[in-house]
Amino acid sequence: MDNASPTQWVFGYGSLIWNPGFPFVSSQGGLLGGAHRALSIYSFHHRGTPEQPGLVFGLARGGSCRGMVFEVAQADWAGVRTYLHEREQVTSVYRDVFRPVRLEDGRVVQALAFVVDERHAQYAGRLPLERQLEMVRRSSGISGRNIDYVLNTARHLAELGIKDRQVMALAELLAREDAPEQS
């Protein structure tokens, strides 16, 4: 990575879209090739526990993923990297890598992305929808309910015009169940 660059870039595809938690100069949509968003990681910390794991999104091999790309000032970069390492690498289930991302404005930038380490014990792989529903419904961790994480991600993807059929199908089923009772 060129340390003389005036800015660095971070690719968000899950909770980073709606809760980046770090200072950034600008943000815009972007497309990362070679990986897709998948609810494929057992969460023992943020959205579950070792006794009752939740599920969180990871970038899994194949396809492509639309998300948000955050431009970070070089002066903030060291702090942002430390923050993201502490947030995303609690159990080292991700590999932090730099990948080319095509921005909405047409530029291609090298962005920091967190891709799932498929050899890690927390890699859930491709779970059937019924199993995903069961796990997301019942789990909660230090960052809150798993169902809120999935619904927030789906809502923000929809607001950004990002169509992710699997996320939306899961969120639709969860939203029906999580709706308050009408009397």
N, C-alpha and C. Protein backbone atom coordinates (compact mmCIF):
# COMPACT_ATOMS: atom_id res chain seq x y z
N MET A 1 0.85 -1.18 0.00
CA MET A 1 0.00 0.00 0.00
C MET A 1 0.88 1.23 0.00
N ASP A 2 0.54 2.19 -0.77
CA ASP A 2 1.30 3.43 -0.90
C ASP A 2 1.01 4.33 0.29
N ASN A 3 1.98 4.46 1.20
CA ASN A 3 1.78 5.28 2.40
C ASN A 3 1.78 6.77 2.10
N ALA A 4 2.22 7.16 0.89
CA ALA A 4 2.21 8.58 0.53
C ALA A 4 0.83 9.02 0.05
N SER A 5 -0.07 8.08 -0.17
CA SER A 5 -1.41 8.39 -0.64
C SER A 5 -2.12 9.30 0.36
N PRO A 6 -2.85 10.31 -0.12
CA PRO A 6 -3.54 11.22 0.79
C PRO A 6 -4.71 10.55 1.52
N THR A 7 -5.24 9.47 0.97
CA THR A 7 -6.35 8.78 1.61
C THR A 7 -6.19 7.27 1.44
N GLN A 8 -6.91 6.54 2.29
CA GLN A 8 -7.01 5.09 2.20
C GLN A 8 -8.49 4.76 2.10
N TRP A 9 -8.81 3.49 1.81
CA TRP A 9 -10.19 3.09 1.57
C TRP A 9 -10.54 1.84 2.36
N VAL A 10 -11.79 1.78 2.82
CA VAL A 10 -12.32 0.62 3.54
C VAL A 10 -13.62 0.21 2.87
N PHE A 11 -13.75 -1.11 2.60
CA PHE A 11 -14.97 -1.64 1.99
C PHE A 11 -15.86 -2.23 3.08
N GLY A 12 -17.10 -1.75 3.16
CA GLY A 12 -18.08 -2.26 4.12
C GLY A 12 -19.19 -3.00 3.40
N TYR A 13 -19.57 -4.15 3.92
CA TYR A 13 -20.61 -4.96 3.28
C TYR A 13 -21.67 -5.44 4.27
N GLY A 14 -21.46 -5.26 5.57
CA GLY A 14 -22.40 -5.66 6.61
C GLY A 14 -22.63 -4.48 7.53
N SER A 15 -22.33 -4.65 8.80
CA SER A 15 -22.58 -3.59 9.78
C SER A 15 -21.72 -2.35 9.54
N LEU A 16 -20.59 -2.49 8.85
CA LEU A 16 -19.80 -1.28 8.55
C LEU A 16 -20.58 -0.31 7.68
N ILE A 17 -21.54 -0.81 6.89
CA ILE A 17 -22.36 0.08 6.06
C ILE A 17 -23.14 1.05 6.94
N TRP A 18 -23.76 0.55 7.99
CA TRP A 18 -24.65 1.37 8.81
C TRP A 18 -24.05 1.79 10.14
N ASN A 19 -22.88 1.28 10.46
CA ASN A 19 -22.22 1.66 11.71
C ASN A 19 -20.71 1.58 11.53
N PRO A 20 -20.13 2.48 10.71
CA PRO A 20 -18.69 2.36 10.49
C PRO A 20 -17.87 2.57 11.77
N GLY A 21 -18.23 3.56 12.57
CA GLY A 21 -17.55 3.77 13.85
C GLY A 21 -16.17 4.40 13.75
N PHE A 22 -15.82 4.92 12.59
CA PHE A 22 -14.51 5.56 12.42
C PHE A 22 -14.68 6.82 11.57
N PRO A 23 -13.73 7.76 11.68
CA PRO A 23 -13.84 8.98 10.87
C PRO A 23 -13.52 8.70 9.40
N PHE A 24 -14.30 9.32 8.52
CA PHE A 24 -14.03 9.18 7.09
C PHE A 24 -14.31 10.49 6.38
N VAL A 25 -13.65 10.67 5.25
CA VAL A 25 -13.74 11.89 4.47
C VAL A 25 -14.97 11.87 3.58
N SER A 26 -15.24 10.71 2.98
CA SER A 26 -16.39 10.56 2.09
C SER A 26 -16.75 9.08 2.02
N SER A 27 -17.92 8.82 1.46
CA SER A 27 -18.33 7.43 1.23
C SER A 27 -19.17 7.38 -0.03
N GLN A 28 -19.12 6.24 -0.68
CA GLN A 28 -19.96 6.01 -1.86
C GLN A 28 -20.05 4.51 -2.08
N GLY A 29 -21.01 4.13 -2.90
CA GLY A 29 -21.17 2.73 -3.21
C GLY A 29 -19.98 2.20 -4.00
N GLY A 30 -19.78 0.90 -3.90
CA GLY A 30 -18.70 0.28 -4.64
C GLY A 30 -18.97 -1.19 -4.88
N LEU A 31 -18.26 -1.75 -5.85
CA LEU A 31 -18.40 -3.15 -6.21
C LEU A 31 -17.06 -3.85 -6.07
N LEU A 32 -17.05 -4.88 -5.25
CA LEU A 32 -15.87 -5.71 -5.06
C LEU A 32 -16.11 -7.02 -5.80
N GLY A 33 -15.20 -7.41 -6.67
CA GLY A 33 -15.32 -8.65 -7.41
C GLY A 33 -14.58 -9.78 -6.71
N GLY A 34 -15.03 -11.00 -6.97
CA GLY A 34 -14.34 -12.17 -6.46
C GLY A 34 -14.82 -12.67 -5.11
N ALA A 35 -15.78 -11.97 -4.51
CA ALA A 35 -16.33 -12.40 -3.22
C ALA A 35 -17.76 -11.91 -3.11
N HIS A 36 -18.56 -12.62 -2.31
CA HIS A 36 -19.96 -12.24 -2.12
C HIS A 36 -20.29 -12.21 -0.63
N ARG A 37 -21.32 -11.43 -0.28
CA ARG A 37 -21.81 -11.32 1.10
C ARG A 37 -22.53 -12.61 1.46
N ALA A 38 -22.17 -13.20 2.60
CA ALA A 38 -22.83 -14.44 3.03
C ALA A 38 -22.91 -14.47 4.55
N LEU A 39 -24.05 -14.89 5.05
CA LEU A 39 -24.24 -15.06 6.49
C LEU A 39 -23.58 -16.40 6.84
N SER A 40 -22.26 -16.36 6.97
CA SER A 40 -21.49 -17.60 6.99
C SER A 40 -20.49 -17.71 8.14
N ILE A 41 -20.63 -16.86 9.14
CA ILE A 41 -19.68 -16.88 10.25
C ILE A 41 -20.42 -17.03 11.57
N TYR A 42 -20.04 -18.04 12.34
CA TYR A 42 -20.59 -18.19 13.69
C TYR A 42 -20.06 -17.05 14.55
N SER A 43 -20.95 -16.33 15.20
CA SER A 43 -20.55 -15.22 16.07
C SER A 43 -20.62 -15.67 17.53
N PHE A 44 -19.48 -15.63 18.19
CA PHE A 44 -19.39 -15.99 19.60
C PHE A 44 -19.24 -14.75 20.48
N HIS A 45 -19.21 -13.57 19.86
CA HIS A 45 -18.88 -12.35 20.59
C HIS A 45 -19.95 -11.26 20.35
N HIS A 46 -19.95 -10.70 19.15
CA HIS A 46 -20.83 -9.56 18.86
C HIS A 46 -22.31 -9.92 18.82
N ARG A 47 -22.68 -11.04 18.21
CA ARG A 47 -24.10 -11.38 18.00
C ARG A 47 -24.47 -12.77 18.50
N GLY A 48 -23.63 -13.32 19.36
CA GLY A 48 -23.90 -14.64 19.93
C GLY A 48 -22.88 -14.94 21.01
N THR A 49 -22.93 -16.15 21.50
CA THR A 49 -21.99 -16.62 22.52
C THR A 49 -21.48 -17.99 22.09
N PRO A 50 -20.41 -18.49 22.72
CA PRO A 50 -19.96 -19.85 22.38
C PRO A 50 -21.06 -20.89 22.63
N GLU A 51 -21.88 -20.66 23.65
CA GLU A 51 -22.96 -21.60 23.97
C GLU A 51 -24.14 -21.48 23.00
N GLN A 52 -24.38 -20.28 22.50
CA GLN A 52 -25.49 -20.04 21.59
C GLN A 52 -25.03 -19.08 20.48
N PRO A 53 -24.28 -19.62 19.51
CA PRO A 53 -23.71 -18.76 18.46
C PRO A 53 -24.76 -18.07 17.61
N GLY A 54 -24.42 -16.87 17.19
CA GLY A 54 -25.21 -16.17 16.19
C GLY A 54 -24.54 -16.34 14.84
N LEU A 55 -25.02 -15.60 13.86
CA LEU A 55 -24.42 -15.61 12.53
C LEU A 55 -24.18 -14.17 12.08
N VAL A 56 -23.01 -13.93 11.50
CA VAL A 56 -22.70 -12.62 10.93
C VAL A 56 -22.20 -12.80 9.50
N PHE A 57 -22.19 -11.69 8.78
CA PHE A 57 -21.80 -11.71 7.38
C PHE A 57 -20.29 -11.79 7.22
N GLY A 58 -19.90 -12.46 6.17
CA GLY A 58 -18.51 -12.51 5.75
C GLY A 58 -18.46 -12.38 4.25
N LEU A 59 -17.30 -12.06 3.73
CA LEU A 59 -17.09 -12.08 2.29
C LEU A 59 -16.55 -13.46 1.94
N ALA A 60 -17.34 -14.25 1.24
CA ALA A 60 -16.96 -15.60 0.86
C ALA A 60 -16.54 -15.61 -0.61
N ARG A 61 -15.74 -16.58 -0.97
CA ARG A 61 -15.21 -16.66 -2.34
C ARG A 61 -16.31 -16.75 -3.38
N GLY A 62 -16.05 -16.08 -4.51
CA GLY A 62 -16.92 -16.16 -5.68
C GLY A 62 -17.92 -15.03 -5.78
N GLY A 63 -18.28 -14.71 -7.00
CA GLY A 63 -19.29 -13.68 -7.23
C GLY A 63 -18.75 -12.27 -7.06
N SER A 64 -19.63 -11.40 -6.62
CA SER A 64 -19.27 -10.01 -6.38
C SER A 64 -20.15 -9.47 -5.26
N CYS A 65 -19.76 -8.33 -4.74
CA CYS A 65 -20.50 -7.75 -3.62
C CYS A 65 -20.56 -6.24 -3.76
N ARG A 66 -21.78 -5.72 -3.68
CA ARG A 66 -21.96 -4.27 -3.62
C ARG A 66 -21.98 -3.86 -2.15
N GLY A 67 -21.33 -2.76 -1.85
CA GLY A 67 -21.29 -2.27 -0.49
C GLY A 67 -20.95 -0.79 -0.48
N MET A 68 -20.50 -0.30 0.67
CA MET A 68 -20.09 1.09 0.82
C MET A 68 -18.57 1.13 0.95
N VAL A 69 -17.99 2.15 0.35
CA VAL A 69 -16.55 2.33 0.41
C VAL A 69 -16.29 3.67 1.10
N PHE A 70 -15.49 3.59 2.15
CA PHE A 70 -15.21 4.77 2.97
C PHE A 70 -13.80 5.26 2.70
N GLU A 71 -13.68 6.55 2.41
CA GLU A 71 -12.39 7.19 2.19
C GLU A 71 -11.90 7.74 3.52
N VAL A 72 -10.72 7.33 3.92
CA VAL A 72 -10.16 7.70 5.22
C VAL A 72 -8.91 8.56 5.01
N ALA A 73 -8.84 9.68 5.69
CA ALA A 73 -7.66 10.55 5.60
C ALA A 73 -6.43 9.80 6.11
N GLN A 74 -5.32 10.02 5.44
CA GLN A 74 -4.07 9.36 5.83
C GLN A 74 -3.74 9.63 7.30
N ALA A 75 -4.04 10.83 7.79
CA ALA A 75 -3.75 11.18 9.19
C ALA A 75 -4.55 10.32 10.17
N ASP A 76 -5.69 9.80 9.74
CA ASP A 76 -6.54 8.97 10.60
C ASP A 76 -6.31 7.47 10.41
N TRP A 77 -5.54 7.11 9.39
CA TRP A 77 -5.45 5.72 8.96
C TRP A 77 -4.96 4.77 10.05
N ALA A 78 -3.93 5.12 10.77
CA ALA A 78 -3.39 4.22 11.81
C ALA A 78 -4.46 3.94 12.87
N GLY A 79 -5.17 4.96 13.30
CA GLY A 79 -6.22 4.78 14.29
C GLY A 79 -7.38 3.96 13.76
N VAL A 80 -7.75 4.18 12.49
CA VAL A 80 -8.83 3.42 11.89
C VAL A 80 -8.43 1.95 11.77
N ARG A 81 -7.21 1.69 11.35
CA ARG A 81 -6.75 0.28 11.24
C ARG A 81 -6.79 -0.40 12.60
N THR A 82 -6.35 0.30 13.65
CA THR A 82 -6.38 -0.27 15.00
C THR A 82 -7.81 -0.54 15.42
N TYR A 83 -8.69 0.43 15.22
CA TYR A 83 -10.11 0.27 15.57
C TYR A 83 -10.72 -0.93 14.83
N LEU A 84 -10.50 -1.01 13.52
CA LEU A 84 -11.08 -2.10 12.73
C LEU A 84 -10.51 -3.46 13.14
N HIS A 85 -9.23 -3.50 13.46
CA HIS A 85 -8.65 -4.76 13.93
C HIS A 85 -9.32 -5.21 15.23
N GLU A 86 -9.50 -4.28 16.16
CA GLU A 86 -10.14 -4.62 17.44
C GLU A 86 -11.60 -5.02 17.24
N ARG A 87 -12.28 -4.39 16.31
CA ARG A 87 -13.70 -4.68 16.07
C ARG A 87 -13.91 -5.97 15.27
N GLU A 88 -13.16 -6.13 14.20
CA GLU A 88 -13.42 -7.22 13.26
C GLU A 88 -12.61 -8.49 13.54
N GLN A 89 -11.51 -8.36 14.23
CA GLN A 89 -10.61 -9.50 14.39
C GLN A 89 -10.59 -10.06 15.81
N VAL A 90 -11.71 -9.98 16.51
CA VAL A 90 -11.80 -10.48 17.89
C VAL A 90 -11.33 -11.93 17.96
N THR A 91 -11.74 -12.75 16.98
CA THR A 91 -11.37 -14.16 16.98
C THR A 91 -10.58 -14.55 15.73
N SER A 92 -10.14 -13.56 14.96
CA SER A 92 -9.33 -13.78 13.74
C SER A 92 -10.03 -14.63 12.69
N VAL A 93 -11.35 -14.51 12.59
CA VAL A 93 -12.10 -15.27 11.59
C VAL A 93 -11.99 -14.63 10.20
N TYR A 94 -11.56 -13.39 10.14
CA TYR A 94 -11.39 -12.70 8.86
C TYR A 94 -9.91 -12.58 8.52
N ARG A 95 -9.66 -12.43 7.22
CA ARG A 95 -8.34 -12.02 6.75
C ARG A 95 -8.54 -10.59 6.26
N ASP A 96 -7.73 -9.67 6.75
CA ASP A 96 -7.84 -8.30 6.25
C ASP A 96 -6.90 -8.17 5.06
N VAL A 97 -7.50 -7.85 3.92
CA VAL A 97 -6.79 -7.81 2.65
C VAL A 97 -7.16 -6.53 1.91
N PHE A 98 -6.33 -6.16 0.96
CA PHE A 98 -6.64 -5.04 0.08
C PHE A 98 -7.08 -5.61 -1.26
N ARG A 99 -8.23 -5.15 -1.73
CA ARG A 99 -8.81 -5.64 -2.98
C ARG A 99 -9.24 -4.44 -3.83
N PRO A 100 -9.19 -4.59 -5.16
CA PRO A 100 -9.70 -3.52 -6.01
C PRO A 100 -11.22 -3.43 -5.90
N VAL A 101 -11.70 -2.21 -5.76
CA VAL A 101 -13.13 -1.94 -5.67
C VAL A 101 -13.46 -0.83 -6.67
N ARG A 102 -14.48 -1.07 -7.49
CA ARG A 102 -14.92 -0.04 -8.44
C ARG A 102 -15.94 0.85 -7.73
N LEU A 103 -15.61 2.13 -7.62
CA LEU A 103 -16.49 3.10 -6.98
C LEU A 103 -17.62 3.51 -7.93
N GLU A 104 -18.68 4.05 -7.37
CA GLU A 104 -19.80 4.54 -8.19
C GLU A 104 -19.34 5.59 -9.20
N ASP A 105 -18.33 6.37 -8.84
CA ASP A 105 -17.86 7.42 -9.75
C ASP A 105 -16.94 6.88 -10.84
N GLY A 106 -16.72 5.56 -10.89
CA GLY A 106 -15.94 4.94 -11.95
C GLY A 106 -14.49 4.63 -11.60
N ARG A 107 -13.97 5.27 -10.57
CA ARG A 107 -12.59 4.99 -10.18
C ARG A 107 -12.48 3.60 -9.58
N VAL A 108 -11.29 3.02 -9.67
CA VAL A 108 -10.99 1.77 -9.01
C VAL A 108 -9.93 2.07 -7.96
N VAL A 109 -10.21 1.69 -6.71
CA VAL A 109 -9.29 1.93 -5.60
C VAL A 109 -8.97 0.61 -4.92
N GLN A 110 -7.86 0.58 -4.24
CA GLN A 110 -7.51 -0.57 -3.39
C GLN A 110 -8.13 -0.31 -2.02
N ALA A 111 -9.03 -1.17 -1.60
CA ALA A 111 -9.73 -0.96 -0.34
C ALA A 111 -9.46 -2.12 0.62
N LEU A 112 -9.36 -1.78 1.88
CA LEU A 112 -9.26 -2.79 2.93
C LEU A 112 -10.60 -3.50 3.02
N ALA A 113 -10.57 -4.83 2.97
CA ALA A 113 -11.79 -5.63 3.07
C ALA A 113 -11.52 -6.79 4.02
N PHE A 114 -12.57 -7.23 4.69
CA PHE A 114 -12.44 -8.36 5.62
C PHE A 114 -13.13 -9.56 4.99
N VAL A 115 -12.31 -10.51 4.52
CA VAL A 115 -12.83 -11.72 3.89
C VAL A 115 -12.74 -12.86 4.90
N VAL A 116 -13.67 -13.79 4.81
CA VAL A 116 -13.72 -14.89 5.76
C VAL A 116 -12.54 -15.85 5.52
N ASP A 117 -11.95 -16.32 6.60
CA ASP A 117 -10.94 -17.37 6.54
C ASP A 117 -11.69 -18.70 6.60
N GLU A 118 -11.82 -19.35 5.47
CA GLU A 118 -12.64 -20.56 5.38
C GLU A 118 -12.05 -21.73 6.16
N ARG A 119 -10.83 -21.61 6.64
CA ARG A 119 -10.22 -22.67 7.46
C ARG A 119 -10.49 -22.45 8.95
N HIS A 120 -11.05 -21.30 9.30
CA HIS A 120 -11.30 -20.96 10.70
C HIS A 120 -12.48 -21.78 11.24
N ALA A 121 -12.40 -22.15 12.50
CA ALA A 121 -13.46 -22.96 13.14
C ALA A 121 -14.82 -22.26 13.14
N GLN A 122 -14.84 -20.92 13.06
CA GLN A 122 -16.10 -20.19 13.07
C GLN A 122 -16.72 -20.03 11.68
N TYR A 123 -16.06 -20.54 10.66
CA TYR A 123 -16.64 -20.48 9.32
C TYR A 123 -17.78 -21.50 9.25
N ALA A 124 -18.98 -21.02 9.06
CA ALA A 124 -20.17 -21.88 9.04
C ALA A 124 -20.43 -22.46 7.66
N GLY A 125 -19.85 -21.87 6.64
CA GLY A 125 -20.13 -22.32 5.29
C GLY A 125 -21.53 -21.91 4.86
N ARG A 126 -22.10 -22.68 3.98
CA ARG A 126 -23.42 -22.36 3.43
C ARG A 126 -24.48 -23.14 4.19
N LEU A 127 -25.13 -22.47 5.10
CA LEU A 127 -26.18 -23.10 5.92
C LEU A 127 -27.54 -22.96 5.25
N PRO A 128 -28.41 -23.96 5.40
CA PRO A 128 -29.77 -23.83 4.86
C PRO A 128 -30.50 -22.65 5.52
N LEU A 129 -31.42 -22.06 4.80
CA LEU A 129 -32.18 -20.91 5.29
C LEU A 129 -32.84 -21.20 6.64
N GLU A 130 -33.39 -22.38 6.81
CA GLU A 130 -34.06 -22.74 8.06
C GLU A 130 -33.08 -22.68 9.24
N ARG A 131 -31.86 -23.16 9.03
CA ARG A 131 -30.84 -23.13 10.10
C ARG A 131 -30.42 -21.69 10.39
N GLN A 132 -30.27 -20.87 9.36
CA GLN A 132 -29.94 -19.46 9.55
C GLN A 132 -31.01 -18.77 10.39
N LEU A 133 -32.28 -19.01 10.02
CA LEU A 133 -33.39 -18.42 10.77
C LEU A 133 -33.34 -18.82 12.23
N GLU A 134 -33.17 -20.10 12.49
CA GLU A 134 -33.13 -20.61 13.85
C GLU A 134 -32.03 -19.94 14.67
N MET A 135 -30.85 -19.83 14.10
CA MET A 135 -29.72 -19.26 14.83
C MET A 135 -29.90 -17.76 15.06
N VAL A 136 -30.33 -17.04 14.02
CA VAL A 136 -30.48 -15.59 14.12
C VAL A 136 -31.59 -15.22 15.10
N ARG A 137 -32.68 -15.98 15.09
CA ARG A 137 -33.82 -15.71 15.98
C ARG A 137 -33.41 -15.74 17.46
N ARG A 138 -32.58 -16.67 17.84
CA ARG A 138 -32.35 -16.95 19.26
C ARG A 138 -31.05 -16.37 19.83
N SER A 139 -30.20 -15.80 19.01
CA SER A 139 -28.88 -15.41 19.52
C SER A 139 -28.76 -13.91 19.77
N SER A 140 -27.86 -13.62 20.69
CA SER A 140 -27.57 -12.25 21.10
C SER A 140 -26.16 -12.23 21.67
N GLY A 141 -25.46 -11.11 21.47
CA GLY A 141 -24.10 -10.98 21.98
C GLY A 141 -23.87 -9.59 22.55
N ILE A 142 -22.62 -9.21 22.73
CA ILE A 142 -22.32 -7.92 23.36
C ILE A 142 -22.79 -6.73 22.52
N SER A 143 -22.97 -6.93 21.21
CA SER A 143 -23.45 -5.84 20.34
C SER A 143 -24.95 -5.88 20.12
N GLY A 144 -25.65 -6.82 20.76
CA GLY A 144 -27.10 -6.86 20.66
C GLY A 144 -27.63 -8.11 20.00
N ARG A 145 -28.93 -8.05 19.69
CA ARG A 145 -29.62 -9.19 19.11
C ARG A 145 -29.17 -9.45 17.67
N ASN A 146 -29.01 -10.71 17.34
CA ASN A 146 -28.61 -11.09 15.99
C ASN A 146 -29.67 -10.67 14.98
N ILE A 147 -30.93 -10.77 15.35
CA ILE A 147 -32.02 -10.40 14.44
C ILE A 147 -31.92 -8.92 14.06
N ASP A 148 -31.54 -8.06 15.01
CA ASP A 148 -31.40 -6.63 14.72
C ASP A 148 -30.27 -6.37 13.73
N TYR A 149 -29.18 -7.11 13.88
CA TYR A 149 -28.03 -7.00 12.97
C TYR A 149 -28.45 -7.33 11.54
N VAL A 150 -29.15 -8.43 11.35
CA VAL A 150 -29.56 -8.84 10.01
C VAL A 150 -30.58 -7.85 9.44
N LEU A 151 -31.58 -7.46 10.24
CA LEU A 151 -32.60 -6.52 9.75
C LEU A 151 -32.01 -5.15 9.44
N ASN A 152 -31.09 -4.65 10.27
CA ASN A 152 -30.43 -3.36 9.99
C ASN A 152 -29.63 -3.43 8.69
N THR A 153 -28.91 -4.51 8.51
CA THR A 153 -28.13 -4.65 7.28
C THR A 153 -29.06 -4.67 6.07
N ALA A 154 -30.12 -5.47 6.13
CA ALA A 154 -31.06 -5.55 5.02
C ALA A 154 -31.70 -4.20 4.73
N ARG A 155 -32.11 -3.49 5.77
CA ARG A 155 -32.75 -2.17 5.57
C ARG A 155 -31.79 -1.19 4.90
N HIS A 156 -30.54 -1.18 5.34
CA HIS A 156 -29.58 -0.26 4.75
C HIS A 156 -29.21 -0.66 3.32
N LEU A 157 -29.13 -1.94 3.05
CA LEU A 157 -28.90 -2.37 1.67
C LEU A 157 -30.03 -1.87 0.78
N ALA A 158 -31.28 -2.04 1.23
CA ALA A 158 -32.43 -1.59 0.45
C ALA A 158 -32.39 -0.08 0.24
N GLU A 159 -32.06 0.67 1.28
CA GLU A 159 -31.98 2.14 1.16
C GLU A 159 -30.93 2.56 0.14
N LEU A 160 -29.86 1.77 0.03
CA LEU A 160 -28.80 2.07 -0.93
C LEU A 160 -29.09 1.52 -2.32
N GLY A 161 -30.21 0.82 -2.47
CA GLY A 161 -30.55 0.23 -3.75
C GLY A 161 -29.74 -1.01 -4.08
N ILE A 162 -29.18 -1.64 -3.06
CA ILE A 162 -28.39 -2.86 -3.26
C ILE A 162 -29.31 -4.06 -3.13
N LYS A 163 -29.38 -4.83 -4.19
CA LYS A 163 -30.26 -6.00 -4.21
C LYS A 163 -29.43 -7.24 -3.85
N ASP A 164 -29.74 -7.82 -2.71
CA ASP A 164 -29.10 -9.05 -2.26
C ASP A 164 -30.24 -10.00 -1.89
N ARG A 165 -30.59 -10.88 -2.83
CA ARG A 165 -31.77 -11.73 -2.68
C ARG A 165 -31.74 -12.56 -1.40
N GLN A 166 -30.60 -13.14 -1.07
CA GLN A 166 -30.53 -14.01 0.10
C GLN A 166 -30.74 -13.22 1.39
N VAL A 167 -30.12 -12.06 1.49
CA VAL A 167 -30.28 -11.23 2.69
C VAL A 167 -31.73 -10.77 2.81
N MET A 168 -32.31 -10.34 1.69
CA MET A 168 -33.69 -9.83 1.72
C MET A 168 -34.70 -10.93 2.05
N ALA A 169 -34.48 -12.14 1.53
CA ALA A 169 -35.39 -13.25 1.84
C ALA A 169 -35.35 -13.58 3.33
N LEU A 170 -34.16 -13.64 3.88
CA LEU A 170 -34.01 -13.92 5.31
C LEU A 170 -34.64 -12.79 6.13
N ALA A 171 -34.35 -11.55 5.77
CA ALA A 171 -34.87 -10.40 6.52
C ALA A 171 -36.39 -10.35 6.47
N GLU A 172 -36.98 -10.69 5.33
CA GLU A 172 -38.45 -10.67 5.23
C GLU A 172 -39.07 -11.66 6.21
N LEU A 173 -38.51 -12.85 6.30
CA LEU A 173 -39.02 -13.85 7.24
C LEU A 173 -38.82 -13.40 8.68
N LEU A 174 -37.66 -12.84 8.98
CA LEU A 174 -37.37 -12.37 10.34
C LEU A 174 -38.26 -11.19 10.72
N ALA A 175 -38.49 -10.27 9.80
CA ALA A 175 -39.29 -9.08 10.09
C ALA A 175 -40.72 -9.47 10.43
N ARG A 176 -41.26 -10.46 9.72
CA ARG A 176 -42.62 -10.91 10.02
C ARG A 176 -42.71 -11.44 11.43
N GLU A 177 -41.71 -12.17 11.86
CA GLU A 177 -41.70 -12.76 13.20
C GLU A 177 -41.42 -11.72 14.27
N ASP A 178 -40.63 -10.71 13.94
CA ASP A 178 -40.21 -9.72 14.95
C ASP A 178 -41.19 -8.56 15.07
N ALA A 179 -42.21 -8.53 14.20
CA ALA A 179 -43.20 -7.44 14.25
C ALA A 179 -44.00 -7.53 15.55
N PRO A 180 -44.33 -6.38 16.15
CA PRO A 180 -45.13 -6.39 17.36
C PRO A 180 -46.52 -6.96 17.10
N GLU A 181 -47.06 -7.63 18.09
CA GLU A 181 -48.41 -8.20 17.97
C GLU A 181 -49.44 -7.07 17.81
N GLN A 182 -50.37 -7.28 16.91
CA GLN A 182 -51.47 -6.33 16.71
C GLN A 182 -52.67 -6.81 17.53
N SER A 183 -53.26 -5.90 18.32
CA SER A 183 -54.44 -6.33 19.10
C SER A 183 -55.66 -5.56 18.68
